Amino acid sequence: VLVTGFSFAGYIANRIVGARKGTLATALIGGAYSSTAVTASLAQRLGAGEVGPYAAGIALASAVMYVRVLLLVTLLTPSTLLPFLAIVGPAALAGFAMAAWLW
C-alpha cells in the first residue's frame, strides 16, 4: 500500500506538471513512480531519432528510483538505512552525475 501510494503521488504530480513542461521534469517526477516506464518512453524517442535530452532523462529517472527506494527503506526499516545508503548511495550519486553530464 505504501509503495502504491508513493507511486500514485508521483503519478499525480506528473499529471499536474505534464510532459510539456520538459523532459527532465517529467523524468524527475515520473522516476518517482515508475523509472521503468520513463526509461522505456524516452528510449523509444531516442530510437526514433528524436532530438532532445532523452539520455539525461533516462539517467535522471534511474537516479530518482534509488531515492524512492531509500525513502521506502527509511519509512519501513529505519535501522537499516545507513548500511543500505552505503550500498545504494553511490549508485544514486552516479545517476545524478550522469544526468548532469548528459544534460
N, C-alpha and C. Protein backbone atom coordinates (compact mmCIF):
# COMPACT_ATOMS: atom_id res chain seq x y z
N VAL A 1 0.83 -1.18 0.00
CA VAL A 1 0.00 0.00 0.00
C VAL A 1 0.88 1.25 0.00
N LEU A 2 1.96 1.23 0.78
CA LEU A 2 2.85 2.38 0.84
C LEU A 2 3.49 2.64 -0.52
N VAL A 3 3.98 1.60 -1.17
CA VAL A 3 4.62 1.76 -2.48
C VAL A 3 3.61 2.28 -3.49
N THR A 4 2.40 1.72 -3.46
CA THR A 4 1.36 2.17 -4.39
C THR A 4 1.00 3.62 -4.12
N GLY A 5 0.87 3.99 -2.86
CA GLY A 5 0.56 5.37 -2.52
C GLY A 5 1.64 6.33 -2.98
N PHE A 6 2.88 5.95 -2.80
CA PHE A 6 4.01 6.78 -3.23
C PHE A 6 4.01 6.90 -4.75
N SER A 7 3.76 5.78 -5.44
CA SER A 7 3.70 5.80 -6.90
C SER A 7 2.56 6.67 -7.38
N PHE A 8 1.42 6.59 -6.72
CA PHE A 8 0.27 7.39 -7.11
C PHE A 8 0.55 8.88 -6.93
N ALA A 9 1.22 9.24 -5.85
CA ALA A 9 1.57 10.64 -5.62
C ALA A 9 2.48 11.15 -6.74
N GLY A 10 3.44 10.34 -7.15
CA GLY A 10 4.30 10.72 -8.26
C GLY A 10 3.54 10.85 -9.56
N TYR A 11 2.59 9.95 -9.78
CA TYR A 11 1.76 10.00 -10.98
C TYR A 11 0.93 11.29 -11.02
N ILE A 12 0.33 11.63 -9.89
CA ILE A 12 -0.48 12.86 -9.82
C ILE A 12 0.40 14.08 -10.09
N ALA A 13 1.58 14.11 -9.49
CA ALA A 13 2.50 15.23 -9.73
C ALA A 13 2.87 15.33 -11.20
N ASN A 14 3.08 14.19 -11.84
CA ASN A 14 3.42 14.19 -13.25
C ASN A 14 2.26 14.70 -14.10
N ARG A 15 1.04 14.35 -13.73
CA ARG A 15 -0.13 14.82 -14.47
C ARG A 15 -0.30 16.33 -14.31
N ILE A 16 0.03 16.85 -13.13
CA ILE A 16 -0.09 18.28 -12.89
C ILE A 16 0.96 19.04 -13.70
N VAL A 17 2.21 18.57 -13.65
CA VAL A 17 3.30 19.24 -14.38
C VAL A 17 3.15 19.01 -15.88
N GLY A 18 2.90 17.78 -16.27
CA GLY A 18 2.71 17.44 -17.68
C GLY A 18 4.02 17.29 -18.42
N ALA A 19 3.97 16.51 -19.46
CA ALA A 19 5.16 16.23 -20.26
C ALA A 19 5.66 17.47 -20.99
N ARG A 20 4.79 18.42 -21.25
CA ARG A 20 5.18 19.62 -21.99
C ARG A 20 6.04 20.57 -21.17
N LYS A 21 6.14 20.34 -19.87
CA LYS A 21 6.96 21.20 -19.02
C LYS A 21 8.44 20.86 -19.14
N GLY A 22 8.75 19.83 -19.84
CA GLY A 22 10.15 19.50 -20.03
C GLY A 22 10.44 18.04 -19.75
N THR A 23 11.35 17.52 -20.53
CA THR A 23 11.73 16.12 -20.41
C THR A 23 12.31 15.82 -19.04
N LEU A 24 13.16 16.70 -18.54
CA LEU A 24 13.81 16.41 -17.26
C LEU A 24 12.84 16.51 -16.09
N ALA A 25 11.88 17.43 -16.15
CA ALA A 25 10.87 17.50 -15.08
C ALA A 25 10.02 16.24 -15.10
N THR A 26 9.67 15.79 -16.28
CA THR A 26 8.89 14.57 -16.41
C THR A 26 9.70 13.37 -15.92
N ALA A 27 10.98 13.32 -16.25
CA ALA A 27 11.83 12.22 -15.80
C ALA A 27 11.98 12.23 -14.28
N LEU A 28 12.12 13.41 -13.72
CA LEU A 28 12.28 13.53 -12.27
C LEU A 28 11.03 13.06 -11.55
N ILE A 29 9.90 13.55 -11.97
CA ILE A 29 8.64 13.18 -11.31
C ILE A 29 8.24 11.76 -11.69
N GLY A 30 8.36 11.43 -12.97
CA GLY A 30 8.00 10.09 -13.43
C GLY A 30 8.86 9.01 -12.80
N GLY A 31 10.12 9.32 -12.55
CA GLY A 31 11.01 8.36 -11.89
C GLY A 31 10.57 8.03 -10.48
N ALA A 32 9.78 8.91 -9.88
CA ALA A 32 9.28 8.65 -8.53
C ALA A 32 8.23 7.55 -8.52
N TYR A 33 7.53 7.37 -9.62
CA TYR A 33 6.52 6.31 -9.62
C TYR A 33 6.85 5.16 -10.55
N SER A 34 7.60 5.38 -11.62
CA SER A 34 7.99 4.27 -12.49
C SER A 34 9.16 4.66 -13.37
N SER A 35 10.35 4.42 -12.86
CA SER A 35 11.53 4.73 -13.66
C SER A 35 11.58 3.84 -14.89
N THR A 36 11.01 2.65 -14.82
CA THR A 36 10.98 1.75 -15.98
C THR A 36 10.12 2.33 -17.09
N ALA A 37 8.95 2.87 -16.75
CA ALA A 37 8.08 3.45 -17.77
C ALA A 37 8.72 4.68 -18.41
N VAL A 38 9.37 5.51 -17.59
CA VAL A 38 10.04 6.70 -18.12
C VAL A 38 11.18 6.27 -19.04
N THR A 39 11.96 5.29 -18.62
CA THR A 39 13.08 4.81 -19.42
C THR A 39 12.59 4.25 -20.76
N ALA A 40 11.53 3.45 -20.73
CA ALA A 40 11.01 2.87 -21.96
C ALA A 40 10.51 3.96 -22.91
N SER A 41 9.80 4.94 -22.38
CA SER A 41 9.27 6.02 -23.21
C SER A 41 10.38 6.85 -23.84
N LEU A 42 11.36 7.23 -23.02
CA LEU A 42 12.44 8.06 -23.54
C LEU A 42 13.35 7.27 -24.48
N ALA A 43 13.56 6.00 -24.20
CA ALA A 43 14.37 5.17 -25.09
C ALA A 43 13.71 5.02 -26.45
N GLN A 44 12.39 4.94 -26.46
CA GLN A 44 11.67 4.86 -27.72
C GLN A 44 11.88 6.13 -28.54
N ARG A 45 11.87 7.26 -27.88
CA ARG A 45 12.12 8.52 -28.59
C ARG A 45 13.54 8.59 -29.12
N LEU A 46 14.50 8.12 -28.30
CA LEU A 46 15.88 8.08 -28.77
C LEU A 46 16.02 7.18 -29.98
N GLY A 47 15.37 6.02 -29.94
CA GLY A 47 15.43 5.06 -31.04
C GLY A 47 14.81 5.59 -32.31
N ALA A 48 13.83 6.47 -32.17
CA ALA A 48 13.17 7.07 -33.33
C ALA A 48 13.97 8.23 -33.92
N GLY A 49 15.08 8.56 -33.27
CA GLY A 49 15.93 9.63 -33.77
C GLY A 49 15.50 11.02 -33.38
N GLU A 50 14.58 11.14 -32.43
CA GLU A 50 14.15 12.46 -31.98
C GLU A 50 15.30 13.16 -31.25
N VAL A 51 15.31 14.46 -31.35
CA VAL A 51 16.34 15.26 -30.70
C VAL A 51 15.80 15.76 -29.37
N GLY A 52 16.58 15.64 -28.33
CA GLY A 52 16.18 16.11 -27.01
C GLY A 52 17.06 15.51 -25.94
N PRO A 53 16.86 15.94 -24.70
CA PRO A 53 17.71 15.46 -23.59
C PRO A 53 17.22 14.11 -23.05
N TYR A 54 16.92 13.16 -23.94
CA TYR A 54 16.31 11.91 -23.52
C TYR A 54 17.27 11.02 -22.73
N ALA A 55 18.54 10.99 -23.11
CA ALA A 55 19.51 10.18 -22.36
C ALA A 55 19.67 10.73 -20.94
N ALA A 56 19.68 12.05 -20.81
CA ALA A 56 19.76 12.66 -19.48
C ALA A 56 18.50 12.34 -18.68
N GLY A 57 17.36 12.32 -19.33
CA GLY A 57 16.11 11.97 -18.66
C GLY A 57 16.11 10.54 -18.16
N ILE A 58 16.67 9.63 -18.95
CA ILE A 58 16.76 8.23 -18.53
C ILE A 58 17.65 8.10 -17.30
N ALA A 59 18.80 8.77 -17.33
CA ALA A 59 19.71 8.72 -16.18
C ALA A 59 19.06 9.34 -14.94
N LEU A 60 18.34 10.43 -15.12
CA LEU A 60 17.68 11.09 -14.01
C LEU A 60 16.58 10.22 -13.41
N ALA A 61 15.77 9.61 -14.24
CA ALA A 61 14.70 8.73 -13.75
C ALA A 61 15.29 7.55 -12.98
N SER A 62 16.41 7.03 -13.45
CA SER A 62 17.06 5.91 -12.75
C SER A 62 17.60 6.36 -11.40
N ALA A 63 18.18 7.55 -11.35
CA ALA A 63 18.71 8.06 -10.08
C ALA A 63 17.58 8.31 -9.09
N VAL A 64 16.46 8.81 -9.56
CA VAL A 64 15.30 9.05 -8.68
C VAL A 64 14.78 7.74 -8.12
N MET A 65 14.87 6.67 -8.89
CA MET A 65 14.44 5.36 -8.41
C MET A 65 15.20 4.98 -7.14
N TYR A 66 16.49 5.25 -7.09
CA TYR A 66 17.27 4.96 -5.89
C TYR A 66 16.80 5.79 -4.70
N VAL A 67 16.48 7.04 -4.95
CA VAL A 67 15.97 7.90 -3.88
C VAL A 67 14.63 7.38 -3.38
N ARG A 68 13.77 6.94 -4.32
CA ARG A 68 12.48 6.36 -3.94
C ARG A 68 12.67 5.15 -3.03
N VAL A 69 13.60 4.28 -3.40
CA VAL A 69 13.86 3.09 -2.58
C VAL A 69 14.44 3.48 -1.22
N LEU A 70 15.32 4.46 -1.19
CA LEU A 70 15.86 4.93 0.09
C LEU A 70 14.76 5.50 0.98
N LEU A 71 13.82 6.22 0.41
CA LEU A 71 12.71 6.74 1.19
C LEU A 71 11.87 5.61 1.76
N LEU A 72 11.61 4.61 0.95
CA LEU A 72 10.83 3.47 1.44
C LEU A 72 11.55 2.72 2.55
N VAL A 73 12.85 2.54 2.41
CA VAL A 73 13.63 1.88 3.46
C VAL A 73 13.59 2.71 4.73
N THR A 74 13.70 4.03 4.60
CA THR A 74 13.64 4.91 5.77
C THR A 74 12.31 4.78 6.49
N LEU A 75 11.23 4.70 5.73
CA LEU A 75 9.91 4.61 6.35
C LEU A 75 9.63 3.22 6.94
N LEU A 76 10.11 2.18 6.27
CA LEU A 76 9.76 0.83 6.70
C LEU A 76 10.74 0.22 7.70
N THR A 77 12.02 0.45 7.50
CA THR A 77 13.03 -0.11 8.42
C THR A 77 14.15 0.91 8.63
N PRO A 78 13.90 1.92 9.44
CA PRO A 78 14.89 2.99 9.62
C PRO A 78 16.25 2.50 10.12
N SER A 79 16.27 1.40 10.83
CA SER A 79 17.54 0.91 11.37
C SER A 79 18.47 0.39 10.27
N THR A 80 17.94 0.10 9.11
CA THR A 80 18.79 -0.40 8.02
C THR A 80 19.20 0.69 7.03
N LEU A 81 18.78 1.92 7.29
CA LEU A 81 19.04 2.99 6.32
C LEU A 81 20.53 3.21 6.07
N LEU A 82 21.33 3.36 7.10
CA LEU A 82 22.75 3.67 6.88
C LEU A 82 23.49 2.57 6.13
N PRO A 83 23.34 1.30 6.51
CA PRO A 83 24.01 0.28 5.69
C PRO A 83 23.50 0.24 4.25
N PHE A 84 22.20 0.43 4.09
CA PHE A 84 21.62 0.44 2.75
C PHE A 84 22.10 1.65 1.95
N LEU A 85 22.19 2.79 2.62
CA LEU A 85 22.68 4.01 1.98
C LEU A 85 24.11 3.84 1.49
N ALA A 86 24.92 3.11 2.26
CA ALA A 86 26.31 2.87 1.85
C ALA A 86 26.38 2.06 0.55
N ILE A 87 25.38 1.24 0.32
CA ILE A 87 25.36 0.42 -0.90
C ILE A 87 24.70 1.17 -2.06
N VAL A 88 23.56 1.79 -1.80
CA VAL A 88 22.76 2.40 -2.86
C VAL A 88 23.14 3.86 -3.12
N GLY A 89 23.66 4.54 -2.11
CA GLY A 89 24.02 5.95 -2.26
C GLY A 89 24.95 6.25 -3.42
N PRO A 90 26.05 5.50 -3.56
CA PRO A 90 26.94 5.77 -4.70
C PRO A 90 26.26 5.60 -6.06
N ALA A 91 25.36 4.63 -6.16
CA ALA A 91 24.64 4.44 -7.43
C ALA A 91 23.74 5.64 -7.72
N ALA A 92 23.08 6.15 -6.69
CA ALA A 92 22.22 7.32 -6.87
C ALA A 92 23.06 8.53 -7.28
N LEU A 93 24.17 8.74 -6.61
CA LEU A 93 25.05 9.87 -6.96
C LEU A 93 25.58 9.73 -8.38
N ALA A 94 25.94 8.52 -8.78
CA ALA A 94 26.42 8.30 -10.14
C ALA A 94 25.32 8.59 -11.15
N GLY A 95 24.09 8.22 -10.84
CA GLY A 95 22.98 8.50 -11.73
C GLY A 95 22.74 9.99 -11.90
N PHE A 96 22.76 10.72 -10.79
CA PHE A 96 22.57 12.18 -10.87
C PHE A 96 23.74 12.84 -11.60
N ALA A 97 24.96 12.36 -11.36
CA ALA A 97 26.13 12.91 -12.05
C ALA A 97 26.05 12.64 -13.55
N MET A 98 25.61 11.44 -13.93
CA MET A 98 25.49 11.12 -15.35
C MET A 98 24.40 11.96 -16.01
N ALA A 99 23.29 12.17 -15.30
CA ALA A 99 22.23 13.01 -15.85
C ALA A 99 22.73 14.43 -16.09
N ALA A 100 23.49 14.96 -15.12
CA ALA A 100 24.05 16.31 -15.28
C ALA A 100 25.03 16.36 -16.44
N TRP A 101 25.86 15.35 -16.56
CA TRP A 101 26.85 15.31 -17.63
C TRP A 101 26.17 15.22 -19.00
N LEU A 102 25.14 14.38 -19.10
CA LEU A 102 24.42 14.21 -20.36
C LEU A 102 23.61 15.45 -20.72
N TRP A 103 23.17 16.18 -19.71
CA TRP A 103 22.37 17.38 -19.95
C TRP A 103 23.24 18.42 -20.61
